[in-house]
């Protein structure tokens, strides 16, 4: 069925025609597998919570009915513009999500531990949050394609201003996106046991750090209590970096990770690929996650002005596993 939402709607209506459209996503709990939600051009209150679980061939679709970017969920004053909690087979198409004190969009498990899974973001714009723009925790099978991430910390500088934060995520593909104006943090970080992550064909403009393969996680948040890696099988290929980029790539406790066929052109970089110790993870407190099996090949870095003293700066404990 098709469900309609309009700025002129009424949340007491049935939502099944344009004339009886809902006003917001407050009724999201009533969505069923196979539903397509069409949001008319306009601005909508954020803080929406979606728990619905579609299925193969029957996804729950939230789509801008006008031009891409014409329907805006505003998270200012709420933790998020939209939270998918234990949701499955959900597609977000052409929407704009802004603000949120924690994230513009959050993917997280429900109270029974069911992961958000098989989530697709297609042509979505996420901007101007007070924290991360996309925060995914323990999600499974996430596709982010042809989307825009812009200015996660505009007006709200704080510790966590990442564009994409992947915590314990299993299976994510970030393909053909634009990430820009991440001036004080990392554009994409995969940590806390994240695995099978593909970062392919994205464009990065003016970011402090481009892609962090691994990171620093508290022991209790690591997805795999037996793992000694912050991230596993993260592949970053065919990405381009422009403008003010301090470090295109940071590697911190990543196992079997690949950095290949990427390019950078700009000034001010302090290194191209830098390894740092990952922290704690699932090990004993204070332990260090060491990068193993790192492959760096066929990248092009063009620097304007001074060339960084070390294009490839690898921790001594990591050098034996560098290809």
C-alpha atoms as a PDB file:
ATOM      1  CA  UNK A   1       0.000   0.000   0.000  1.00  0.00           C
ATOM      2  CA  UNK A   2       0.963   3.666  -0.370  1.00  0.00           C
ATOM      3  CA  UNK A   3       0.961   5.969   2.656  1.00  0.00           C
ATOM      4  CA  UNK A   4       0.998   9.755   2.207  1.00  0.00           C
ATOM      5  CA  UNK A   5       2.547  12.411   4.456  1.00  0.00           C
ATOM      6  CA  UNK A   6       2.113  16.135   3.863  1.00  0.00           C
ATOM      7  CA  UNK A   7       2.839  19.378   5.763  1.00  0.00           C
ATOM      8  CA  UNK A   8      -0.918  20.003   5.511  1.00  0.00           C
ATOM      9  CA  UNK A   9      -1.806  16.523   6.772  1.00  0.00           C
ATOM     10  CA  UNK A  10      -3.330  15.229   9.992  1.00  0.00           C
ATOM     11  CA  UNK A  11      -1.841  12.425  12.078  1.00  0.00           C
ATOM     12  CA  UNK A  12      -5.384  11.360  13.069  1.00  0.00           C
ATOM     13  CA  UNK A  13      -6.199  10.552   9.425  1.00  0.00           C
ATOM     14  CA  UNK A  14      -5.641   7.165   7.780  1.00  0.00           C
ATOM     15  CA  UNK A  15      -2.812   8.358   5.504  1.00  0.00           C
ATOM     16  CA  UNK A  16      -4.035   6.279   2.565  1.00  0.00           C
ATOM     17  CA  UNK A  17      -4.828   9.136   0.167  1.00  0.00           C
ATOM     18  CA  UNK A  18      -3.298  12.540  -0.524  1.00  0.00           C
ATOM     19  CA  UNK A  19      -6.420  14.106   0.986  1.00  0.00           C
ATOM     20  CA  UNK A  20      -6.091  12.079   4.187  1.00  0.00           C
ATOM     21  CA  UNK A  21      -2.319  12.333   4.515  1.00  0.00           C
ATOM     22  CA  UNK A  22      -0.511  12.154   7.848  1.00  0.00           C
ATOM     23  CA  UNK A  23       1.312  15.231   9.115  1.00  0.00           C
ATOM     24  CA  UNK A  24       4.451  13.403  10.356  1.00  0.00           C
ATOM     25  CA  UNK A  25       6.015  10.017  10.987  1.00  0.00           C
ATOM     26  CA  UNK A  26       4.466   9.765  14.437  1.00  0.00           C
ATOM     27  CA  UNK A  27       2.421   6.814  13.121  1.00  0.00           C
ATOM     28  CA  UNK A  28       5.493   4.951  11.844  1.00  0.00           C
ATOM     29  CA  UNK A  29       4.700   2.012  14.133  1.00  0.00           C
ATOM     30  CA  UNK A  30       1.688   1.260  11.905  1.00  0.00           C
ATOM     31  CA  UNK A  31       3.793   0.675   8.791  1.00  0.00           C
ATOM     32  CA  UNK A  32       3.674  -2.819   7.286  1.00  0.00           C
ATOM     33  CA  UNK A  33       6.001  -4.833   5.033  1.00  0.00           C
ATOM     34  CA  UNK A  34       5.704  -3.529   1.484  1.00  0.00           C
ATOM     35  CA  UNK A  35       4.462  -0.053   2.458  1.00  0.00           C
ATOM     36  CA  UNK A  36       5.728   2.922   0.453  1.00  0.00           C
ATOM     37  CA  UNK A  37       5.605   6.202   2.362  1.00  0.00           C
ATOM     38  CA  UNK A  38       5.528   9.268   0.099  1.00  0.00           C
ATOM     39  CA  UNK A  39       6.548  12.512   1.788  1.00  0.00           C
ATOM     40  CA  UNK A  40       5.337  15.601  -0.040  1.00  0.00           C
ATOM     41  CA  UNK A  41       7.721  18.576  -0.368  1.00  0.00           C
ATOM     42  CA  UNK A  42       8.077  20.388   2.939  1.00  0.00           C
ATOM     43  CA  UNK A  43       9.660  20.267   6.384  1.00  0.00           C
ATOM     44  CA  UNK A  44       8.700  17.713   9.023  1.00  0.00           C
ATOM     45  CA  UNK A  45       9.449  17.376  12.747  1.00  0.00           C
ATOM     46  CA  UNK A  46      12.233  14.958  13.578  1.00  0.00           C
ATOM     47  CA  UNK A  47      12.622  12.581  16.472  1.00  0.00           C
ATOM     48  CA  UNK A  48      10.769   9.891  14.509  1.00  0.00           C
ATOM     49  CA  UNK A  49      11.243   6.237  15.506  1.00  0.00           C
ATOM     50  CA  UNK A  50      10.794   3.403  13.004  1.00  0.00           C
ATOM     51  CA  UNK A  51      10.783  -0.203  14.209  1.00  0.00           C
ATOM     52  CA  UNK A  52       9.103  -1.770  11.195  1.00  0.00           C
ATOM     53  CA  UNK A  53      10.554  -4.876   9.607  1.00  0.00           C
ATOM     54  CA  UNK A  54       9.913  -5.447   5.944  1.00  0.00           C
ATOM     55  CA  UNK A  55      11.113  -8.520   4.134  1.00  0.00           C
ATOM     56  CA  UNK A  56      12.737  -9.710   0.896  1.00  0.00           C
ATOM     57  CA  UNK A  57      10.760  -8.107  -1.919  1.00  0.00           C
ATOM     58  CA  UNK A  58       8.601  -6.253   0.626  1.00  0.00           C
ATOM     59  CA  UNK A  59      10.713  -3.377   1.945  1.00  0.00           C
ATOM     60  CA  UNK A  60       9.336  -0.421   3.841  1.00  0.00           C
ATOM     61  CA  UNK A  61      10.191   2.598   1.672  1.00  0.00           C
ATOM     62  CA  UNK A  62      10.309   6.236   2.805  1.00  0.00           C
ATOM     63  CA  UNK A  63      10.537   8.392  -0.323  1.00  0.00           C
ATOM     64  CA  UNK A  64      10.400  12.085  -1.209  1.00  0.00           C
ATOM     65  CA  UNK A  65       7.440  12.338  -3.583  1.00  0.00           C
ATOM     66  CA  UNK A  66       8.811  15.523  -5.179  1.00  0.00           C
ATOM     67  CA  UNK A  67      12.334  16.176  -6.371  1.00  0.00           C
ATOM     68  CA  UNK A  68      15.144  14.545  -4.361  1.00  0.00           C
ATOM     69  CA  UNK A  69      15.817  16.691  -1.310  1.00  0.00           C
ATOM     70  CA  UNK A  70      12.337  18.256  -1.244  1.00  0.00           C
ATOM     71  CA  UNK A  71      11.213  16.479   1.956  1.00  0.00           C
ATOM     72  CA  UNK A  72      13.178  17.408   5.079  1.00  0.00           C
ATOM     73  CA  UNK A  73      13.118  15.717   8.495  1.00  0.00           C
ATOM     74  CA  UNK A  74      14.439  18.216  11.047  1.00  0.00           C
ATOM     75  CA  UNK A  75      16.039  16.786  14.150  1.00  0.00           C
ATOM     76  CA  UNK A  76      16.816  20.035  15.940  1.00  0.00           C
ATOM     77  CA  UNK A  77      15.670  19.641  19.542  1.00  0.00           C
ATOM     78  CA  UNK A  78      15.555  15.819  19.281  1.00  0.00           C
ATOM     79  CA  UNK A  79      18.259  13.160  19.575  1.00  0.00           C
ATOM     80  CA  UNK A  80      17.870  12.351  15.875  1.00  0.00           C
ATOM     81  CA  UNK A  81      15.887  13.317  12.828  1.00  0.00           C
ATOM     82  CA  UNK A  82      15.125   9.596  12.403  1.00  0.00           C
ATOM     83  CA  UNK A  83      16.006   6.435  14.321  1.00  0.00           C
ATOM     84  CA  UNK A  84      15.704   2.936  12.877  1.00  0.00           C
ATOM     85  CA  UNK A  85      15.583   0.660  15.935  1.00  0.00           C
ATOM     86  CA  UNK A  86      15.640  -3.016  15.084  1.00  0.00           C
ATOM     87  CA  UNK A  87      14.141  -2.157  11.706  1.00  0.00           C
ATOM     88  CA  UNK A  88      14.770  -4.380   8.691  1.00  0.00           C
ATOM     89  CA  UNK A  89      14.442  -4.082   4.915  1.00  0.00           C
ATOM     90  CA  UNK A  90      13.994  -0.318   4.991  1.00  0.00           C
ATOM     91  CA  UNK A  91      14.793   2.039   2.097  1.00  0.00           C
ATOM     92  CA  UNK A  92      15.242   5.815   2.495  1.00  0.00           C
ATOM     93  CA  UNK A  93      15.058   7.495  -0.905  1.00  0.00           C
ATOM     94  CA  UNK A  94      15.690  11.164  -1.678  1.00  0.00           C
ATOM     95  CA  UNK A  95      15.081  12.480   1.840  1.00  0.00           C
ATOM     96  CA  UNK A  96      16.967  15.178   3.757  1.00  0.00           C
ATOM     97  CA  UNK A  97      17.759  14.561   7.438  1.00  0.00           C
ATOM     98  CA  UNK A  98      19.188  17.409   9.482  1.00  0.00           C
ATOM     99  CA  UNK A  99      20.156  18.116  13.063  1.00  0.00           C
ATOM    100  CA  UNK A 100      19.837  15.830  16.060  1.00  0.00           C
ATOM    101  CA  UNK A 101      21.787  16.085  19.297  1.00  0.00           C
ATOM    102  CA  UNK A 102      23.228  12.585  18.735  1.00  0.00           C
ATOM    103  CA  UNK A 103      22.918  12.003  14.977  1.00  0.00           C
ATOM    104  CA  UNK A 104      20.813  12.946  11.997  1.00  0.00           C
ATOM    105  CA  UNK A 105      20.133   9.227  11.392  1.00  0.00           C
ATOM    106  CA  UNK A 106      20.748   6.433  13.878  1.00  0.00           C
ATOM    107  CA  UNK A 107      20.627   2.682  13.235  1.00  0.00           C
ATOM    108  CA  UNK A 108      20.551   0.604  16.407  1.00  0.00           C
ATOM    109  CA  UNK A 109      19.345  -2.704  17.875  1.00  0.00           C
ATOM    110  CA  UNK A 110      15.992  -2.924  19.580  1.00  0.00           C
ATOM    111  CA  UNK A 111      15.443  -3.881  23.211  1.00  0.00           C
ATOM    112  CA  UNK A 112      15.512  -7.590  22.291  1.00  0.00           C
ATOM    113  CA  UNK A 113      18.880  -7.247  20.580  1.00  0.00           C
ATOM    114  CA  UNK A 114      17.572  -7.471  17.015  1.00  0.00           C
ATOM    115  CA  UNK A 115      19.866  -5.495  14.764  1.00  0.00           C
ATOM    116  CA  UNK A 116      18.811  -2.930  12.235  1.00  0.00           C
ATOM    117  CA  UNK A 117      19.468  -4.847   9.037  1.00  0.00           C
ATOM    118  CA  UNK A 118      19.224  -4.571   5.283  1.00  0.00           C
ATOM    119  CA  UNK A 119      18.964  -0.790   5.305  1.00  0.00           C
ATOM    120  CA  UNK A 120      19.426   1.284   2.131  1.00  0.00           C
ATOM    121  CA  UNK A 121      20.070   5.014   1.858  1.00  0.00           C
ATOM    122  CA  UNK A 122      19.666   6.152  -1.747  1.00  0.00           C
ATOM    123  CA  UNK A 123      20.222   9.786  -2.679  1.00  0.00           C
ATOM    124  CA  UNK A 124      19.785  10.901   0.926  1.00  0.00           C
ATOM    125  CA  UNK A 125      21.215  14.162   2.303  1.00  0.00           C
ATOM    126  CA  UNK A 126      22.400  14.344   5.915  1.00  0.00           C
ATOM    127  CA  UNK A 127      23.570  17.679   7.258  1.00  0.00           C
ATOM    128  CA  UNK A 128      24.222  19.978  10.196  1.00  0.00           C
ATOM    129  CA  UNK A 129      24.029  17.652  13.152  1.00  0.00           C
ATOM    130  CA  UNK A 130      25.331  18.146  16.674  1.00  0.00           C
ATOM    131  CA  UNK A 131      27.134  14.799  16.501  1.00  0.00           C
ATOM    132  CA  UNK A 132      27.593  12.180  13.799  1.00  0.00           C
ATOM    133  CA  UNK A 133      25.413  12.443  10.712  1.00  0.00           C
ATOM    134  CA  UNK A 134      24.946   8.669  10.357  1.00  0.00           C
ATOM    135  CA  UNK A 135      25.550   6.614  13.479  1.00  0.00           C
ATOM    136  CA  UNK A 136      25.182   2.871  12.915  1.00  0.00           C
ATOM    137  CA  UNK A 137      25.580   0.547  15.917  1.00  0.00           C
ATOM    138  CA  UNK A 138      25.746  -3.219  15.343  1.00  0.00           C
ATOM    139  CA  UNK A 139      23.738  -2.942  12.144  1.00  0.00           C
ATOM    140  CA  UNK A 140      23.906  -5.608   9.436  1.00  0.00           C
ATOM    141  CA  UNK A 141      23.893  -5.151   5.652  1.00  0.00           C
ATOM    142  CA  UNK A 142      23.827  -1.392   5.135  1.00  0.00           C
ATOM    143  CA  UNK A 143      24.017   0.304   1.721  1.00  0.00           C
ATOM    144  CA  UNK A 144      24.654   4.047   1.412  1.00  0.00           C
ATOM    145  CA  UNK A 145      24.721   5.154  -2.214  1.00  0.00           C
ATOM    146  CA  UNK A 146      24.730   8.486  -4.084  1.00  0.00           C
ATOM    147  CA  UNK A 147      24.160  10.403  -0.848  1.00  0.00           C
ATOM    148  CA  UNK A 148      25.519  13.668   0.561  1.00  0.00           C
ATOM    149  CA  UNK A 149      27.051  14.188   4.017  1.00  0.00           C
ATOM    150  CA  UNK A 150      27.646  17.842   4.814  1.00  0.00           C
ATOM    151  CA  UNK A 151      28.887  19.776   7.855  1.00  0.00           C
ATOM    152  CA  UNK A 152      28.220  17.425  10.777  1.00  0.00           C
ATOM    153  CA  UNK A 153      29.232  20.038  13.346  1.00  0.00           C
ATOM    154  CA  UNK A 154      27.896  23.316  11.988  1.00  0.00           C
ATOM    155  CA  UNK A 155      27.454  25.580  14.988  1.00  0.00           C
ATOM    156  CA  UNK A 156      27.833  22.718  17.453  1.00  0.00           C
ATOM    157  CA  UNK A 157      31.522  21.761  17.758  1.00  0.00           C
ATOM    158  CA  UNK A 158      31.955  18.735  19.984  1.00  0.00           C
ATOM    159  CA  UNK A 159      33.947  15.530  20.352  1.00  0.00           C
ATOM    160  CA  UNK A 160      32.048  13.295  17.941  1.00  0.00           C
ATOM    161  CA  UNK A 161      31.512  15.110  14.664  1.00  0.00           C
ATOM    162  CA  UNK A 162      31.927  12.254  12.226  1.00  0.00           C
ATOM    163  CA  UNK A 163      29.977  12.055   9.011  1.00  0.00           C
ATOM    164  CA  UNK A 164      29.633   8.249   9.217  1.00  0.00           C
ATOM    165  CA  UNK A 165      30.279   6.319  12.433  1.00  0.00           C
ATOM    166  CA  UNK A 166      30.177   2.522  12.125  1.00  0.00           C
ATOM    167  CA  UNK A 167      30.317   0.723  15.480  1.00  0.00           C
ATOM    168  CA  UNK A 168      30.302  -3.063  15.334  1.00  0.00           C
ATOM    169  CA  UNK A 169      28.640  -3.032  11.899  1.00  0.00           C
ATOM    170  CA  UNK A 170      28.736  -6.228   9.834  1.00  0.00           C
ATOM    171  CA  UNK A 171      28.519  -5.641   6.099  1.00  0.00           C
ATOM    172  CA  UNK A 172      28.293  -2.037   4.917  1.00  0.00           C
ATOM    173  CA  UNK A 173      28.792  -0.493   1.478  1.00  0.00           C
ATOM    174  CA  UNK A 174      29.395   3.233   1.033  1.00  0.00           C
ATOM    175  CA  UNK A 175      29.370   3.800  -2.712  1.00  0.00           C
ATOM    176  CA  UNK A 176      29.435   6.983  -4.792  1.00  0.00           C
ATOM    177  CA  UNK A 177      28.737   9.447  -1.977  1.00  0.00           C
ATOM    178  CA  UNK A 178      29.978  12.989  -1.322  1.00  0.00           C
ATOM    179  CA  UNK A 179      31.342  13.841   2.137  1.00  0.00           C
ATOM    180  CA  UNK A 180      32.368  17.423   2.829  1.00  0.00           C
ATOM    181  CA  UNK A 181      33.124  19.999   5.505  1.00  0.00           C
ATOM    182  CA  UNK A 182      34.074  17.511   8.222  1.00  0.00           C
ATOM    183  CA  UNK A 183      36.533  19.988   9.654  1.00  0.00           C
ATOM    184  CA  UNK A 184      37.244  18.625  13.122  1.00  0.00           C
ATOM    185  CA  UNK A 185      36.842  14.861  12.918  1.00  0.00           C
ATOM    186  CA  UNK A 186      36.809  11.771  10.688  1.00  0.00           C
ATOM    187  CA  UNK A 187      34.515  11.500   7.689  1.00  0.00           C
ATOM    188  CA  UNK A 188      34.117   7.694   7.858  1.00  0.00           C
ATOM    189  CA  UNK A 189      35.160   5.526  10.788  1.00  0.00           C
ATOM    190  CA  UNK A 190      34.699   1.759  11.140  1.00  0.00           C
ATOM    191  CA  UNK A 191      35.577   0.408  14.606  1.00  0.00           C
ATOM    192  CA  UNK A 192      34.484  -1.722  17.578  1.00  0.00           C
ATOM    193  CA  UNK A 193      34.503  -4.956  15.594  1.00  0.00           C
ATOM    194  CA  UNK A 194      33.088  -3.640  12.326  1.00  0.00           C
ATOM    195  CA  UNK A 195      33.746  -6.054   9.476  1.00  0.00           C
ATOM    196  CA  UNK A 196      33.265  -6.431   5.734  1.00  0.00           C
ATOM    197  CA  UNK A 197      33.086  -2.702   5.016  1.00  0.00           C
ATOM    198  CA  UNK A 198      33.441  -1.343   1.468  1.00  0.00           C
ATOM    199  CA  UNK A 199      34.194   2.362   0.905  1.00  0.00           C
ATOM    200  CA  UNK A 200      34.160   2.719  -2.869  1.00  0.00           C
ATOM    201  CA  UNK A 201      34.090   5.657  -5.274  1.00  0.00           C
ATOM    202  CA  UNK A 202      33.309   8.401  -2.770  1.00  0.00           C
ATOM    203  CA  UNK A 203      34.429  12.055  -3.010  1.00  0.00           C
ATOM    204  CA  UNK A 204      35.806  13.791   0.094  1.00  0.00           C
ATOM    205  CA  UNK A 205      36.089  17.589   0.263  1.00  0.00           C
ATOM    206  CA  UNK A 206      37.713  19.467   3.160  1.00  0.00           C
ATOM    207  CA  UNK A 207      37.813  16.801   5.855  1.00  0.00           C
ATOM    208  CA  UNK A 208      40.170  16.467   8.808  1.00  0.00           C
ATOM    209  CA  UNK A 209      40.525  12.717   8.285  1.00  0.00           C
ATOM    210  CA  UNK A 210      39.019  10.823   5.381  1.00  0.00           C
ATOM    211  CA  UNK A 211      38.618   7.146   6.261  1.00  0.00           C
ATOM    212  CA  UNK A 212      39.620   5.540   9.549  1.00  0.00           C
ATOM    213  CA  UNK A 213      40.073   1.779   9.253  1.00  0.00           C
ATOM    214  CA  UNK A 214      39.746   0.880  12.920  1.00  0.00           C
ATOM    215  CA  UNK A 215      39.720   3.240  15.870  1.00  0.00           C
ATOM    216  CA  UNK A 216      39.507   3.398  19.642  1.00  0.00           C
ATOM    217  CA  UNK A 217      36.688   1.558  21.398  1.00  0.00           C
ATOM    218  CA  UNK A 218      35.722   0.768  24.937  1.00  0.00           C
ATOM    219  CA  UNK A 219      35.824  -2.923  25.752  1.00  0.00           C
ATOM    220  CA  UNK A 220      32.102  -3.117  26.492  1.00  0.00           C
ATOM    221  CA  UNK A 221      31.096  -1.741  23.081  1.00  0.00           C
ATOM    222  CA  UNK A 222      33.157  -4.151  20.973  1.00  0.00           C
ATOM    223  CA  UNK A 223      30.951  -6.422  18.866  1.00  0.00           C
ATOM    224  CA  UNK A 224      33.143  -9.514  19.282  1.00  0.00           C
ATOM    225  CA  UNK A 225      34.485 -10.217  22.775  1.00  0.00           C
ATOM    226  CA  UNK A 226      37.113 -12.585  21.353  1.00  0.00           C
ATOM    227  CA  UNK A 227      38.455 -10.283  18.657  1.00  0.00           C
ATOM    228  CA  UNK A 228      41.738  -8.430  18.908  1.00  0.00           C
ATOM    229  CA  UNK A 229      40.959  -6.175  15.923  1.00  0.00           C
ATOM    230  CA  UNK A 230      39.095  -2.899  15.893  1.00  0.00           C
ATOM    231  CA  UNK A 231      37.948  -3.603  12.326  1.00  0.00           C
ATOM    232  CA  UNK A 232      38.307  -6.465   9.846  1.00  0.00           C
ATOM    233  CA  UNK A 233      38.208  -6.537   6.047  1.00  0.00           C
ATOM    234  CA  UNK A 234      37.695  -2.833   5.449  1.00  0.00           C
ATOM    235  CA  UNK A 235      38.341  -2.049   1.777  1.00  0.00           C
ATOM    236  CA  UNK A 236      38.784   1.573   0.635  1.00  0.00           C
ATOM    237  CA  UNK A 237      39.072   1.843  -3.143  1.00  0.00           C
ATOM    238  CA  UNK A 238      38.520   4.395  -5.918  1.00  0.00           C
ATOM    239  CA  UNK A 239      37.956   7.313  -3.543  1.00  0.00           C
ATOM    240  CA  UNK A 240      39.043  10.890  -4.299  1.00  0.00           C
ATOM    241  CA  UNK A 241      40.109  13.594  -1.841  1.00  0.00           C
ATOM    242  CA  UNK A 242      40.154  17.325  -2.523  1.00  0.00           C
ATOM    243  CA  UNK A 243      40.939  20.509  -0.634  1.00  0.00           C
ATOM    244  CA  UNK A 244      42.019  20.671   2.987  1.00  0.00           C
ATOM    245  CA  UNK A 245      42.505  17.056   4.033  1.00  0.00           C
ATOM    246  CA  UNK A 246      44.955  16.407   6.872  1.00  0.00           C
ATOM    247  CA  UNK A 247      45.007  12.609   6.536  1.00  0.00           C
ATOM    248  CA  UNK A 248      43.160  10.802   3.727  1.00  0.00           C
ATOM    249  CA  UNK A 249      43.535   7.465   5.563  1.00  0.00           C
ATOM    250  CA  UNK A 250      44.128   6.438   9.158  1.00  0.00           C
ATOM    251  CA  UNK A 251      44.628   2.777  10.054  1.00  0.00           C
ATOM    252  CA  UNK A 252      44.111   1.834  13.710  1.00  0.00           C
ATOM    253  CA  UNK A 253      43.931  -1.814  14.624  1.00  0.00           C
ATOM    254  CA  UNK A 254      42.577  -3.131  11.315  1.00  0.00           C
ATOM    255  CA  UNK A 255      42.982  -6.727  10.154  1.00  0.00           C
ATOM    256  CA  UNK A 256      43.116  -7.655   6.456  1.00  0.00           C
ATOM    257  CA  UNK A 257      42.349  -4.144   5.241  1.00  0.00           C
ATOM    258  CA  UNK A 258      43.018  -2.644   1.808  1.00  0.00           C
ATOM    259  CA  UNK A 259      43.713   0.912   0.609  1.00  0.00           C
ATOM    260  CA  UNK A 260      43.936   0.913  -3.196  1.00  0.00           C
ATOM    261  CA  UNK A 261      43.306   3.032  -6.311  1.00  0.00           C
ATOM    262  CA  UNK A 262      42.529   6.183  -4.347  1.00  0.00           C
ATOM    263  CA  UNK A 263      43.681   9.697  -5.243  1.00  0.00           C
ATOM    264  CA  UNK A 264      44.332  12.971  -3.435  1.00  0.00           C
ATOM    265  CA  UNK A 265      44.945  16.459  -4.821  1.00  0.00           C
ATOM    266  CA  UNK A 266      45.329  19.410  -2.485  1.00  0.00           C
ATOM    267  CA  UNK A 267      47.422  21.236   0.069  1.00  0.00           C
ATOM    268  CA  UNK A 268      47.972  20.925   3.797  1.00  0.00           C
ATOM    269  CA  UNK A 269      47.998  17.139   4.140  1.00  0.00           C
ATOM    270  CA  UNK A 270      50.218  15.835   6.942  1.00  0.00           C
ATOM    271  CA  UNK A 271      50.346  12.328   5.528  1.00  0.00           C
ATOM    272  CA  UNK A 272      48.591  10.034   3.076  1.00  0.00           C
ATOM    273  CA  UNK A 273      48.216   6.761   4.999  1.00  0.00           C
ATOM    274  CA  UNK A 274      48.989   6.875   8.717  1.00  0.00           C
ATOM    275  CA  UNK A 275      48.748   3.975  11.131  1.00  0.00           C
ATOM    276  CA  UNK A 276      48.003   4.431  14.812  1.00  0.00           C
ATOM    277  CA  UNK A 277      47.454   1.887  17.558  1.00  0.00           C
ATOM    278  CA  UNK A 278      43.837   0.876  17.991  1.00  0.00           C
ATOM    279  CA  UNK A 279      42.740   0.932  21.607  1.00  0.00           C
ATOM    280  CA  UNK A 280      41.252  -1.604  24.015  1.00  0.00           C
ATOM    281  CA  UNK A 281      38.632  -3.222  21.796  1.00  0.00           C
ATOM    282  CA  UNK A 282      37.698  -6.631  23.184  1.00  0.00           C
ATOM    283  CA  UNK A 283      41.056  -7.120  24.855  1.00  0.00           C
ATOM    284  CA  UNK A 284      42.153  -6.393  28.402  1.00  0.00           C
ATOM    285  CA  UNK A 285      41.878  -2.735  29.423  1.00  0.00           C
ATOM    286  CA  UNK A 286      44.847  -0.776  28.129  1.00  0.00           C
ATOM    287  CA  UNK A 287      45.735  -3.304  25.432  1.00  0.00           C
ATOM    288  CA  UNK A 288      46.535  -2.139  21.916  1.00  0.00           C
ATOM    289  CA  UNK A 289      44.980  -3.486  18.701  1.00  0.00           C
ATOM    290  CA  UNK A 290      47.762  -3.943  16.153  1.00  0.00           C
ATOM    291  CA  UNK A 291      47.111  -3.663  12.433  1.00  0.00           C
ATOM    292  CA  UNK A 292      47.739  -6.923  10.568  1.00  0.00           C
ATOM    293  CA  UNK A 293      47.610  -7.749   6.866  1.00  0.00           C
ATOM    294  CA  UNK A 294      47.359  -4.158   5.605  1.00  0.00           C
ATOM    295  CA  UNK A 295      47.614  -3.742   1.814  1.00  0.00           C
ATOM    296  CA  UNK A 296      48.340  -0.284   0.365  1.00  0.00           C
ATOM    297  CA  UNK A 297      48.710  -0.214  -3.418  1.00  0.00           C
ATOM    298  CA  UNK A 298      48.158   1.835  -6.603  1.00  0.00           C
ATOM    299  CA  UNK A 299      47.171   5.116  -4.925  1.00  0.00           C
ATOM    300  CA  UNK A 300      47.991   8.578  -6.333  1.00  0.00           C
ATOM    301  CA  UNK A 301      48.676  11.539  -4.017  1.00  0.00           C
ATOM    302  CA  UNK A 302      49.403  14.966  -5.555  1.00  0.00           C
ATOM    303  CA  UNK A 303      50.427  17.692  -3.085  1.00  0.00           C
ATOM    304  CA  UNK A 304      50.405  21.421  -3.689  1.00  0.00           C
ATOM    305  CA  UNK A 305      53.225  23.152  -1.865  1.00  0.00           C
ATOM    306  CA  UNK A 306      55.136  21.255   0.791  1.00  0.00           C
ATOM    307  CA  UNK A 307      55.086  17.473   0.637  1.00  0.00           C
ATOM    308  CA  UNK A 308      54.393  15.786   3.987  1.00  0.00           C
ATOM    309  CA  UNK A 309      57.495  14.293   5.618  1.00  0.00           C
ATOM    310  CA  UNK A 310      55.958  10.813   5.539  1.00  0.00           C
ATOM    311  CA  UNK A 311      53.373   9.800   2.961  1.00  0.00           C
ATOM    312  CA  UNK A 312      53.129   6.360   4.545  1.00  0.00           C
ATOM    313  CA  UNK A 313      53.644   6.479   8.306  1.00  0.00           C
ATOM    314  CA  UNK A 314      53.281   3.049   9.876  1.00  0.00           C
ATOM    315  CA  UNK A 315      53.706   2.070  13.507  1.00  0.00           C
ATOM    316  CA  UNK A 316      56.735  -0.202  14.060  1.00  0.00           C
ATOM    317  CA  UNK A 317      54.568  -3.046  15.321  1.00  0.00           C
ATOM    318  CA  UNK A 318      52.538  -2.895  12.076  1.00  0.00           C
ATOM    319  CA  UNK A 319      55.375  -2.905   9.550  1.00  0.00           C
ATOM    320  CA  UNK A 320      55.804  -6.665   9.377  1.00  0.00           C
ATOM    321  CA  UNK A 321      52.253  -7.038   8.021  1.00  0.00           C
ATOM    322  CA  UNK A 322      52.331  -4.216   5.501  1.00  0.00           C
ATOM    323  CA  UNK A 323      52.147  -4.979   1.778  1.00  0.00           C
END
